[in-house]
PDB file of N, CA and C in Angstrom:
ATOM      1  N   MET A   1      13.234  30.424  -8.316  1.00  0.00           N
ATOM      2  CA  MET A   1      12.502  29.175  -8.229  1.00  0.00           C
ATOM      3  C   MET A   1      13.444  28.021  -8.577  1.00  0.00           C
ATOM      4  N   SER A   2      13.377  26.953  -7.813  1.00  0.00           N
ATOM      5  CA  SER A   2      14.315  25.849  -7.969  1.00  0.00           C
ATOM      6  C   SER A   2      13.993  24.946  -9.153  1.00  0.00           C
ATOM      7  N   GLY A   3      12.788  24.936  -9.639  1.00  0.00           N
ATOM      8  CA  GLY A   3      12.426  24.082 -10.758  1.00  0.00           C
ATOM      9  C   GLY A   3      11.996  22.688 -10.328  1.00  0.00           C
ATOM     10  N   ARG A   4      12.253  22.346  -9.053  1.00  0.00           N
ATOM     11  CA  ARG A   4      11.826  21.039  -8.547  1.00  0.00           C
ATOM     12  C   ARG A   4      10.393  21.138  -8.067  1.00  0.00           C
ATOM     13  N   LYS A   5       9.601  20.158  -8.463  1.00  0.00           N
ATOM     14  CA  LYS A   5       8.199  20.124  -8.060  1.00  0.00           C
ATOM     15  C   LYS A   5       8.093  19.552  -6.653  1.00  0.00           C
ATOM     16  N   LYS A   6       7.427  20.248  -5.761  1.00  0.00           N
ATOM     17  CA  LYS A   6       7.234  19.763  -4.401  1.00  0.00           C
ATOM     18  C   LYS A   6       6.156  18.691  -4.393  1.00  0.00           C
ATOM     19  N   THR A   7       6.384  17.672  -3.586  1.00  0.00           N
ATOM     20  CA  THR A   7       5.420  16.587  -3.494  1.00  0.00           C
ATOM     21  C   THR A   7       4.448  16.844  -2.339  1.00  0.00           C
ATOM     22  N   LYS A   8       3.244  16.377  -2.513  1.00  0.00           N
ATOM     23  CA  LYS A   8       2.249  16.413  -1.445  1.00  0.00           C
ATOM     24  C   LYS A   8       1.967  15.003  -0.940  1.00  0.00           C
ATOM     25  N   ASP A   9       2.712  14.031  -1.458  1.00  0.00           N
ATOM     26  CA  ASP A   9       2.553  12.631  -1.079  1.00  0.00           C
ATOM     27  C   ASP A   9       3.139  12.446   0.320  1.00  0.00           C
ATOM     28  N   GLY A  10       2.271  12.181   1.288  1.00  0.00           N
ATOM     29  CA  GLY A  10       2.688  12.053   2.678  1.00  0.00           C
ATOM     30  C   GLY A  10       3.713  10.962   2.899  1.00  0.00           C
ATOM     31  N   VAL A  11       3.564   9.841   2.216  1.00  0.00           N
ATOM     32  CA  VAL A  11       4.515   8.731   2.366  1.00  0.00           C
ATOM     33  C   VAL A  11       5.896   9.152   1.884  1.00  0.00           C
ATOM     34  N   LYS A  12       5.954   9.834   0.751  1.00  0.00           N
ATOM     35  CA  LYS A  12       7.244  10.281   0.227  1.00  0.00           C
ATOM     36  C   LYS A  12       7.886  11.309   1.157  1.00  0.00           C
ATOM     37  N   ILE A  13       7.082  12.193   1.709  1.00  0.00           N
ATOM     38  CA  ILE A  13       7.602  13.197   2.632  1.00  0.00           C
ATOM     39  C   ILE A  13       8.149  12.535   3.894  1.00  0.00           C
ATOM     40  N   LEU A  14       7.372  11.603   4.467  1.00  0.00           N
ATOM     41  CA  LEU A  14       7.842  10.902   5.666  1.00  0.00           C
ATOM     42  C   LEU A  14       9.106  10.109   5.389  1.00  0.00           C
ATOM     43  N   ARG A  15       9.144   9.464   4.237  1.00  0.00           N
ATOM     44  CA  ARG A  15      10.339   8.688   3.894  1.00  0.00           C
ATOM     45  C   ARG A  15      11.558   9.597   3.824  1.00  0.00           C
ATOM     46  N   LYS A  16      11.405  10.749   3.187  1.00  0.00           N
ATOM     47  CA  LYS A  16      12.527  11.687   3.052  1.00  0.00           C
ATOM     48  C   LYS A  16      12.961  12.208   4.415  1.00  0.00           C
ATOM     49  N   VAL A  17      12.003  12.515   5.275  1.00  0.00           N
ATOM     50  CA  VAL A  17      12.312  13.100   6.579  1.00  0.00           C
ATOM     51  C   VAL A  17      12.772  12.051   7.586  1.00  0.00           C
ATOM     52  N   LEU A  18      12.067  10.911   7.651  1.00  0.00           N
ATOM     53  CA  LEU A  18      12.333   9.920   8.694  1.00  0.00           C
ATOM     54  C   LEU A  18      13.356   8.859   8.307  1.00  0.00           C
ATOM     55  N   ILE A  19      13.241   8.333   7.128  1.00  0.00           N
ATOM     56  CA  ILE A  19      14.091   7.213   6.735  1.00  0.00           C
ATOM     57  C   ILE A  19      15.410   7.698   6.141  1.00  0.00           C
ATOM     58  N   LYS A  20      15.350   8.716   5.322  1.00  0.00           N
ATOM     59  CA  LYS A  20      16.530   9.291   4.681  1.00  0.00           C
ATOM     60  C   LYS A  20      17.365   8.221   3.975  1.00  0.00           C
ATOM     61  N   ASP A  21      16.687   7.247   3.373  1.00  0.00           N
ATOM     62  CA  ASP A  21      17.340   6.146   2.656  1.00  0.00           C
ATOM     63  C   ASP A  21      18.338   5.378   3.522  1.00  0.00           C
ATOM     64  N   ASP A  22      18.105   5.363   4.828  1.00  0.00           N
ATOM     65  CA  ASP A  22      18.931   4.622   5.776  1.00  0.00           C
ATOM     66  C   ASP A  22      18.303   3.244   5.975  1.00  0.00           C
ATOM     67  N   PRO A  23      18.967   2.165   5.537  1.00  0.00           N
ATOM     68  CA  PRO A  23      18.384   0.819   5.641  1.00  0.00           C
ATOM     69  C   PRO A  23      18.008   0.431   7.074  1.00  0.00           C
ATOM     70  N   LYS A  24      18.791   0.863   8.042  1.00  0.00           N
ATOM     71  CA  LYS A  24      18.499   0.544   9.439  1.00  0.00           C
ATOM     72  C   LYS A  24      17.185   1.199   9.875  1.00  0.00           C
ATOM     73  N   ARG A  25      17.006   2.454   9.510  1.00  0.00           N
ATOM     74  CA  ARG A  25      15.751   3.143   9.838  1.00  0.00           C
ATOM     75  C   ARG A  25      14.573   2.504   9.114  1.00  0.00           C
ATOM     76  N   PHE A  26      14.801   2.116   7.865  1.00  0.00           N
ATOM     77  CA  PHE A  26      13.739   1.480   7.095  1.00  0.00           C
ATOM     78  C   PHE A  26      13.283   0.205   7.794  1.00  0.00           C
ATOM     79  N   LYS A  27      14.225  -0.621   8.256  1.00  0.00           N
ATOM     80  CA  LYS A  27      13.885  -1.868   8.951  1.00  0.00           C
ATOM     81  C   LYS A  27      13.134  -1.588  10.249  1.00  0.00           C
ATOM     82  N   GLN A  28      13.543  -0.544  10.977  1.00  0.00           N
ATOM     83  CA  GLN A  28      12.854  -0.190  12.215  1.00  0.00           C
ATOM     84  C   GLN A  28      11.402   0.190  11.934  1.00  0.00           C
ATOM     85  N   ILE A  29      11.190   0.968  10.910  1.00  0.00           N
ATOM     86  CA  ILE A  29       9.839   1.399  10.563  1.00  0.00           C
ATOM     87  C   ILE A  29       9.013   0.218  10.076  1.00  0.00           C
ATOM     88  N   GLU A  30       9.606  -0.681   9.320  1.00  0.00           N
ATOM     89  CA  GLU A  30       8.892  -1.878   8.873  1.00  0.00           C
ATOM     90  C   GLU A  30       8.456  -2.721  10.067  1.00  0.00           C
ATOM     91  N   LYS A  31       9.314  -2.844  11.079  1.00  0.00           N
ATOM     92  CA  LYS A  31       8.974  -3.615  12.281  1.00  0.00           C
ATOM     93  C   LYS A  31       7.804  -2.957  13.008  1.00  0.00           C
ATOM     94  N   ILE A  32       7.817  -1.659  13.119  1.00  0.00           N
ATOM     95  CA  ILE A  32       6.716  -0.929  13.764  1.00  0.00           C
ATOM     96  C   ILE A  32       5.422  -1.155  12.984  1.00  0.00           C
ATOM     97  N   LYS A  33       5.505  -1.107  11.650  1.00  0.00           N
ATOM     98  CA  LYS A  33       4.314  -1.334  10.819  1.00  0.00           C
ATOM     99  C   LYS A  33       3.764  -2.741  11.009  1.00  0.00           C
ATOM    100  N   GLU A  34       4.657  -3.728  11.120  1.00  0.00           N
ATOM    101  CA  GLU A  34       4.221  -5.109  11.331  1.00  0.00           C
ATOM    102  C   GLU A  34       3.487  -5.245  12.660  1.00  0.00           C
ATOM    103  N   ASP A  35       4.052  -4.672  13.734  1.00  0.00           N
ATOM    104  CA  ASP A  35       3.422  -4.750  15.049  1.00  0.00           C
ATOM    105  C   ASP A  35       2.063  -4.056  15.045  1.00  0.00           C
ATOM    106  N   LEU A  36       1.999  -2.902  14.421  1.00  0.00           N
ATOM    107  CA  LEU A  36       0.745  -2.165  14.327  1.00  0.00           C
ATOM    108  C   LEU A  36      -0.299  -2.964  13.561  1.00  0.00           C
ATOM    109  N   ASP A  37       0.114  -3.598  12.479  1.00  0.00           N
ATOM    110  CA  ASP A  37      -0.805  -4.386  11.657  1.00  0.00           C
ATOM    111  C   ASP A  37      -1.390  -5.554  12.452  1.00  0.00           C
ATOM    112  N   ILE A  38      -0.555  -6.251  13.200  1.00  0.00           N
ATOM    113  CA  ILE A  38      -1.043  -7.382  13.990  1.00  0.00           C
ATOM    114  C   ILE A  38      -2.016  -6.899  15.056  1.00  0.00           C
ATOM    115  N   ALA A  39      -1.643  -5.847  15.773  1.00  0.00           N
ATOM    116  CA  ALA A  39      -2.512  -5.307  16.825  1.00  0.00           C
ATOM    117  C   ALA A  39      -3.861  -4.889  16.252  1.00  0.00           C
ATOM    118  N   GLU A  40      -3.829  -4.226  15.117  1.00  0.00           N
ATOM    119  CA  GLU A  40      -5.059  -3.757  14.482  1.00  0.00           C
ATOM    120  C   GLU A  40      -5.931  -4.926  14.021  1.00  0.00           C
ATOM    121  N   GLN A  41      -5.305  -5.964  13.481  1.00  0.00           N
ATOM    122  CA  GLN A  41      -6.069  -7.128  13.038  1.00  0.00           C
ATOM    123  C   GLN A  41      -6.748  -7.823  14.214  1.00  0.00           C
ATOM    124  N   ILE A  42      -6.036  -7.956  15.322  1.00  0.00           N
ATOM    125  CA  ILE A  42      -6.627  -8.594  16.510  1.00  0.00           C
ATOM    126  C   ILE A  42      -7.827  -7.786  16.981  1.00  0.00           C
ATOM    127  N   TYR A  43      -7.661  -6.463  17.059  1.00  0.00           N
ATOM    128  CA  TYR A  43      -8.759  -5.605  17.493  1.00  0.00           C
ATOM    129  C   TYR A  43      -9.963  -5.739  16.553  1.00  0.00           C
ATOM    130  N   LYS A  44      -9.718  -5.677  15.249  1.00  0.00           N
ATOM    131  CA  LYS A  44     -10.816  -5.754  14.282  1.00  0.00           C
ATOM    132  C   LYS A  44     -11.529  -7.102  14.335  1.00  0.00           C
ATOM    133  N   LEU A  45     -10.765  -8.180  14.449  1.00  0.00           N
ATOM    134  CA  LEU A  45     -11.383  -9.503  14.542  1.00  0.00           C
ATOM    135  C   LEU A  45     -12.244  -9.623  15.793  1.00  0.00           C
ATOM    136  N   ARG A  46     -11.709  -9.131  16.906  1.00  0.00           N
ATOM    137  CA  ARG A  46     -12.448  -9.213  18.174  1.00  0.00           C
ATOM    138  C   ARG A  46     -13.736  -8.398  18.112  1.00  0.00           C
ATOM    139  N   THR A  47     -13.651  -7.172  17.629  1.00  0.00           N
ATOM    140  CA  THR A  47     -14.852  -6.328  17.599  1.00  0.00           C
ATOM    141  C   THR A  47     -15.857  -6.817  16.563  1.00  0.00           C
ATOM    142  N   LYS A  48     -15.363  -7.356  15.450  1.00  0.00           N
ATOM    143  CA  LYS A  48     -16.279  -7.907  14.443  1.00  0.00           C
ATOM    144  C   LYS A  48     -17.045  -9.106  15.011  1.00  0.00           C
ATOM    145  N   ALA A  49     -16.395  -9.839  15.901  1.00  0.00           N
ATOM    146  CA  ALA A  49     -17.038 -10.988  16.552  1.00  0.00           C
ATOM    147  C   ALA A  49     -17.888 -10.559  17.749  1.00  0.00           C
ATOM    148  N   ASN A  50     -18.001  -9.258  17.963  1.00  0.00           N
ATOM    149  CA  ASN A  50     -18.774  -8.694  19.080  1.00  0.00           C
ATOM    150  C   ASN A  50     -18.312  -9.241  20.430  1.00  0.00           C
ATOM    151  N   LEU A  51     -17.004  -9.317  20.590  1.00  0.00           N
ATOM    152  CA  LEU A  51     -16.434  -9.792  21.846  1.00  0.00           C
ATOM    153  C   LEU A  51     -15.725  -8.649  22.566  1.00  0.00           C
ATOM    154  N   THR A  52     -15.835  -8.644  23.877  1.00  0.00           N
ATOM    155  CA  THR A  52     -15.029  -7.732  24.670  1.00  0.00           C
ATOM    156  C   THR A  52     -13.655  -8.362  24.831  1.00  0.00           C
ATOM    157  N   GLN A  53     -12.712  -7.594  25.307  1.00  0.00           N
ATOM    158  CA  GLN A  53     -11.385  -8.152  25.575  1.00  0.00           C
ATOM    159  C   GLN A  53     -11.495  -9.289  26.591  1.00  0.00           C
ATOM    160  N   LYS A  54     -12.333  -9.101  27.585  1.00  0.00           N
ATOM    161  CA  LYS A  54     -12.498 -10.119  28.627  1.00  0.00           C
ATOM    162  C   LYS A  54     -13.098 -11.401  28.040  1.00  0.00           C
ATOM    163  N   GLU A  55     -14.089 -11.253  27.183  1.00  0.00           N
ATOM    164  CA  GLU A  55     -14.721 -12.428  26.577  1.00  0.00           C
ATOM    165  C   GLU A  55     -13.736 -13.201  25.702  1.00  0.00           C
ATOM    166  N   LEU A  56     -12.956 -12.479  24.903  1.00  0.00           N
ATOM    167  CA  LEU A  56     -11.960 -13.156  24.070  1.00  0.00           C
ATOM    168  C   LEU A  56     -10.925 -13.850  24.953  1.00  0.00           C
ATOM    169  N   ALA A  57     -10.513 -13.183  25.998  1.00  0.00           N
ATOM    170  CA  ALA A  57      -9.537 -13.765  26.927  1.00  0.00           C
ATOM    171  C   ALA A  57     -10.060 -15.075  27.509  1.00  0.00           C
ATOM    172  N   GLU A  58     -11.315 -15.085  27.909  1.00  0.00           N
ATOM    173  CA  GLU A  58     -11.909 -16.296  28.484  1.00  0.00           C
ATOM    174  C   GLU A  58     -11.960 -17.430  27.457  1.00  0.00           C
ATOM    175  N   LEU A  59     -12.248 -17.083  26.202  1.00  0.00           N
ATOM    176  CA  LEU A  59     -12.311 -18.098  25.148  1.00  0.00           C
ATOM    177  C   LEU A  59     -10.960 -18.775  24.905  1.00  0.00           C
ATOM    178  N   ILE A  60      -9.889 -18.029  25.086  1.00  0.00           N
ATOM    179  CA  ILE A  60      -8.568 -18.597  24.773  1.00  0.00           C
ATOM    180  C   ILE A  60      -7.736 -18.902  26.014  1.00  0.00           C
ATOM    181  N   GLY A  61      -8.322 -18.701  27.180  1.00  0.00           N
ATOM    182  CA  GLY A  61      -7.631 -19.071  28.414  1.00  0.00           C
ATOM    183  C   GLY A  61      -6.524 -18.132  28.841  1.00  0.00           C
ATOM    184  N   THR A  62      -6.785 -16.853  28.731  1.00  0.00           N
ATOM    185  CA  THR A  62      -5.805 -15.856  29.167  1.00  0.00           C
ATOM    186  C   THR A  62      -6.530 -14.725  29.887  1.00  0.00           C
ATOM    187  N   SER A  63      -5.849 -13.646  30.170  1.00  0.00           N
ATOM    188  CA  SER A  63      -6.465 -12.533  30.898  1.00  0.00           C
ATOM    189  C   SER A  63      -6.832 -11.385  29.961  1.00  0.00           C
ATOM    190  N   GLN A  64      -7.732 -10.538  30.421  1.00  0.00           N
ATOM    191  CA  GLN A  64      -8.124  -9.352  29.657  1.00  0.00           C
ATOM    192  C   GLN A  64      -6.913  -8.464  29.413  1.00  0.00           C
ATOM    193  N   SER A  65      -6.030  -8.361  30.399  1.00  0.00           N
ATOM    194  CA  SER A  65      -4.848  -7.503  30.228  1.00  0.00           C
ATOM    195  C   SER A  65      -3.922  -8.049  29.134  1.00  0.00           C
ATOM    196  N   ASP A  66      -3.894  -9.371  28.961  1.00  0.00           N
ATOM    197  CA  ASP A  66      -3.104  -9.947  27.864  1.00  0.00           C
ATOM    198  C   ASP A  66      -3.681  -9.533  26.512  1.00  0.00           C
ATOM    199  N   ILE A  67      -4.998  -9.555  26.397  1.00  0.00           N
ATOM    200  CA  ILE A  67      -5.635  -9.138  25.139  1.00  0.00           C
ATOM    201  C   ILE A  67      -5.370  -7.660  24.889  1.00  0.00           C
ATOM    202  N   SER A  68      -5.477  -6.856  25.926  1.00  0.00           N
ATOM    203  CA  SER A  68      -5.183  -5.431  25.803  1.00  0.00           C
ATOM    204  C   SER A  68      -3.761  -5.216  25.296  1.00  0.00           C
ATOM    205  N   ARG A  69      -2.842  -5.949  25.848  1.00  0.00           N
ATOM    206  CA  ARG A  69      -1.435  -5.848  25.447  1.00  0.00           C
ATOM    207  C   ARG A  69      -1.267  -6.263  23.975  1.00  0.00           C
ATOM    208  N   LEU A  70      -1.941  -7.343  23.568  1.00  0.00           N
ATOM    209  CA  LEU A  70      -1.857  -7.810  22.189  1.00  0.00           C
ATOM    210  C   LEU A  70      -2.427  -6.801  21.189  1.00  0.00           C
ATOM    211  N   GLU A  71      -3.397  -6.016  21.634  1.00  0.00           N
ATOM    212  CA  GLU A  71      -4.012  -5.007  20.764  1.00  0.00           C
ATOM    213  C   GLU A  71      -3.261  -3.678  20.788  1.00  0.00           C
ATOM    214  N   ASN A  72      -2.172  -3.622  21.534  1.00  0.00           N
ATOM    215  CA  ASN A  72      -1.375  -2.405  21.630  1.00  0.00           C
ATOM    216  C   ASN A  72      -0.301  -2.423  20.544  1.00  0.00           C
ATOM    217  N   ALA A  73      -0.221  -1.360  19.772  1.00  0.00           N
ATOM    218  CA  ALA A  73       0.739  -1.285  18.665  1.00  0.00           C
ATOM    219  C   ALA A  73       2.186  -1.317  19.150  1.00  0.00           C
ATOM    220  N   ASP A  74       2.432  -0.998  20.410  1.00  0.00           N
ATOM    221  CA  ASP A  74       3.800  -1.009  20.942  1.00  0.00           C
ATOM    222  C   ASP A  74       4.246  -2.400  21.374  1.00  0.00           C
ATOM    223  N   TYR A  75       3.332  -3.354  21.384  1.00  0.00           N
ATOM    224  CA  TYR A  75       3.658  -4.714  21.826  1.00  0.00           C
ATOM    225  C   TYR A  75       4.328  -5.476  20.690  1.00  0.00           C
ATOM    226  N   ASP A  76       5.358  -6.243  21.017  1.00  0.00           N
ATOM    227  CA  ASP A  76       6.006  -7.021  19.968  1.00  0.00           C
ATOM    228  C   ASP A  76       6.344  -8.444  20.418  1.00  0.00           C
ATOM    229  N   GLY A  77       5.634  -8.954  21.414  1.00  0.00           N
ATOM    230  CA  GLY A  77       5.912 -10.294  21.920  1.00  0.00           C
ATOM    231  C   GLY A  77       4.901 -11.332  21.469  1.00  0.00           C
ATOM    232  N   TYR A  78       4.365 -11.167  20.280  1.00  0.00           N
ATOM    233  CA  TYR A  78       3.354 -12.104  19.782  1.00  0.00           C
ATOM    234  C   TYR A  78       3.938 -13.501  19.638  1.00  0.00           C
ATOM    235  N   SER A  79       3.178 -14.490  20.074  1.00  0.00           N
ATOM    236  CA  SER A  79       3.601 -15.873  19.850  1.00  0.00           C
ATOM    237  C   SER A  79       2.663 -16.498  18.822  1.00  0.00           C
ATOM    238  N   PHE A  80       3.204 -17.404  18.064  1.00  0.00           N
ATOM    239  CA  PHE A  80       2.421 -18.100  17.052  1.00  0.00           C
ATOM    240  C   PHE A  80       1.246 -18.815  17.704  1.00  0.00           C
ATOM    241  N   LYS A  81       1.497 -19.466  18.826  1.00  0.00           N
ATOM    242  CA  LYS A  81       0.458 -20.215  19.519  1.00  0.00           C
ATOM    243  C   LYS A  81      -0.693 -19.298  19.961  1.00  0.00           C
ATOM    244  N   MET A  82      -0.360 -18.130  20.497  1.00  0.00           N
ATOM    245  CA  MET A  82      -1.399 -17.190  20.941  1.00  0.00           C
ATOM    246  C   MET A  82      -2.207 -16.692  19.744  1.00  0.00           C
ATOM    247  N   LEU A  83      -1.534 -16.374  18.651  1.00  0.00           N
ATOM    248  CA  LEU A  83      -2.247 -15.918  17.459  1.00  0.00           C
ATOM    249  C   LEU A  83      -3.153 -17.013  16.908  1.00  0.00           C
ATOM    250  N   GLN A  84      -2.726 -18.267  16.989  1.00  0.00           N
ATOM    251  CA  GLN A  84      -3.569 -19.383  16.559  1.00  0.00           C
ATOM    252  C   GLN A  84      -4.816 -19.481  17.435  1.00  0.00           C
ATOM    253  N   LYS A  85      -4.662 -19.304  18.730  1.00  0.00           N
ATOM    254  CA  LYS A  85      -5.806 -19.363  19.649  1.00  0.00           C
ATOM    255  C   LYS A  85      -6.804 -18.258  19.332  1.00  0.00           C
ATOM    256  N   ILE A  86      -6.300 -17.067  19.072  1.00  0.00           N
ATOM    257  CA  ILE A  86      -7.186 -15.946  18.738  1.00  0.00           C
ATOM    258  C   ILE A  86      -7.923 -16.239  17.437  1.00  0.00           C
ATOM    259  N   ALA A  87      -7.197 -16.710  16.440  1.00  0.00           N
ATOM    260  CA  ALA A  87      -7.821 -17.037  15.150  1.00  0.00           C
ATOM    261  C   ALA A  87      -8.934 -18.065  15.330  1.00  0.00           C
ATOM    262  N   ALA A  88      -8.668 -19.111  16.094  1.00  0.00           N
ATOM    263  CA  ALA A  88      -9.671 -20.156  16.307  1.00  0.00           C
ATOM    264  C   ALA A  88     -10.885 -19.606  17.048  1.00  0.00           C
ATOM    265  N   ALA A  89     -10.656 -18.725  18.005  1.00  0.00           N
ATOM    266  CA  ALA A  89     -11.760 -18.167  18.798  1.00  0.00           C
ATOM    267  C   ALA A  89     -12.703 -17.312  17.964  1.00  0.00           C
ATOM    268  N   VAL A  90     -12.179 -16.703  16.904  1.00  0.00           N
ATOM    269  CA  VAL A  90     -13.021 -15.844  16.059  1.00  0.00           C
ATOM    270  C   VAL A  90     -13.291 -16.495  14.706  1.00  0.00           C
ATOM    271  N   ASP A  91     -13.140 -17.826  14.667  1.00  0.00           N
ATOM    272  CA  ASP A  91     -13.451 -18.626  13.489  1.00  0.00           C
ATOM    273  C   ASP A  91     -12.659 -18.184  12.254  1.00  0.00           C
ATOM    274  N   CYS A  92     -11.358 -18.041  12.451  1.00  0.00           N
ATOM    275  CA  CYS A  92     -10.453 -17.679  11.358  1.00  0.00           C
ATOM    276  C   CYS A  92      -9.294 -18.653  11.324  1.00  0.00           C
ATOM    277  N   ARG A  93      -8.542 -18.572  10.253  1.00  0.00           N
ATOM    278  CA  ARG A  93      -7.328 -19.358  10.099  1.00  0.00           C
ATOM    279  C   ARG A  93      -6.163 -18.383  10.052  1.00  0.00           C
ATOM    280  N   LEU A  94      -5.106 -18.704  10.763  1.00  0.00           N
ATOM    281  CA  LEU A  94      -3.916 -17.867  10.774  1.00  0.00           C
ATOM    282  C   LEU A  94      -3.041 -18.212   9.583  1.00  0.00           C
ATOM    283  N   GLN A  95      -2.594 -17.199   8.871  1.00  0.00           N
ATOM    284  CA  GLN A  95      -1.707 -17.400   7.726  1.00  0.00           C
ATOM    285  C   GLN A  95      -0.506 -16.483   7.903  1.00  0.00           C
ATOM    286  N   ILE A  96       0.682 -17.027   7.737  1.00  0.00           N
ATOM    287  CA  ILE A  96       1.902 -16.238   7.845  1.00  0.00           C
ATOM    288  C   ILE A  96       2.632 -16.333   6.510  1.00  0.00           C
ATOM    289  N   LYS A  97       3.148 -15.191   6.036  1.00  0.00           N
ATOM    290  CA  LYS A  97       3.867 -15.151   4.770  1.00  0.00           C
ATOM    291  C   LYS A  97       5.287 -14.656   5.009  1.00  0.00           C
ATOM    292  N   PHE A  98       6.196 -15.180   4.234  1.00  0.00           N
ATOM    293  CA  PHE A  98       7.547 -14.662   4.205  1.00  0.00           C
ATOM    294  C   PHE A  98       7.691 -13.875   2.905  1.00  0.00           C
ATOM    295  N   ILE A  99       8.090 -12.615   3.024  1.00  0.00           N
ATOM    296  CA  ILE A  99       8.215 -11.742   1.865  1.00  0.00           C
ATOM    297  C   ILE A  99       9.684 -11.385   1.685  1.00  0.00           C
ATOM    298  N   PRO A 100      10.245 -11.650   0.510  1.00  0.00           N
ATOM    299  CA  PRO A 100      11.649 -11.296   0.273  1.00  0.00           C
ATOM    300  C   PRO A 100      11.893  -9.805   0.517  1.00  0.00           C
ATOM    301  N   GLU A 101      13.040  -9.495   1.077  1.00  0.00           N
ATOM    302  CA  GLU A 101      13.398  -8.096   1.375  1.00  0.00           C
ATOM    303  C   GLU A 101      13.285  -7.206   0.150  1.00  0.00           C
ATOM    304  N   LYS A 102      13.638  -7.724  -1.027  1.00  0.00           N
ATOM    305  CA  LYS A 102      13.582  -6.906  -2.240  1.00  0.00           C
ATOM    306  C   LYS A 102      12.168  -6.402  -2.491  1.00  0.00           C
ATOM    307  N   LYS A 103      11.170  -7.250  -2.226  1.00  0.00           N
ATOM    308  CA  LYS A 103       9.789  -6.825  -2.425  1.00  0.00           C
ATOM    309  C   LYS A 103       9.388  -5.793  -1.388  1.00  0.00           C
ATOM    310  N   LEU A 104       9.894  -5.930  -0.157  1.00  0.00           N
ATOM    311  CA  LEU A 104       9.590  -4.939   0.875  1.00  0.00           C
ATOM    312  C   LEU A 104      10.068  -3.565   0.453  1.00  0.00           C
ATOM    313  N   HIS A 105      11.273  -3.495  -0.070  1.00  0.00           N
ATOM    314  CA  HIS A 105      11.817  -2.201  -0.483  1.00  0.00           C
ATOM    315  C   HIS A 105      11.058  -1.614  -1.657  1.00  0.00           C
ATOM    316  N   ALA A 106      10.471  -2.455  -2.469  1.00  0.00           N
ATOM    317  CA  ALA A 106       9.689  -1.978  -3.610  1.00  0.00           C
ATOM    318  C   ALA A 106       8.430  -1.266  -3.144  1.00  0.00           C
ATOM    319  N   TYR A 107       7.906  -1.651  -1.950  1.00  0.00           N
ATOM    320  CA  TYR A 107       6.690  -1.031  -1.445  1.00  0.00           C
ATOM    321  C   TYR A 107       6.962   0.299  -0.770  1.00  0.00           C
ATOM    322  N   ALA A 108       8.184   0.572  -0.457  1.00  0.00           N
ATOM    323  CA  ALA A 108       8.522   1.790   0.288  1.00  0.00           C
ATOM    324  C   ALA A 108       8.416   3.021  -0.571  1.00  0.00           C
TER     325      ALA A 108
END
């Protein structure tokens, strides 16, 4: 027996397997998390407002396919102006924060 206690913490396991303390990999994963978070927030705001993708698109002057793309976690072309339009359409205010890199690493 090795004496080391095995972890069941999924985040720690993924970090060990995927990131391997490689700063470049860590940044890539953080970018993916950011894109996923934005897509998920847009979807949740739209559905909470009982809007279809088409209805939201009409409110902000774009197409349903644009809304679909914005709600896709693989999309990374978000514009500030588009996010402001979405926020206004669902009666929200857009807030953007800058977080120092040191704090990001503390969350990992």
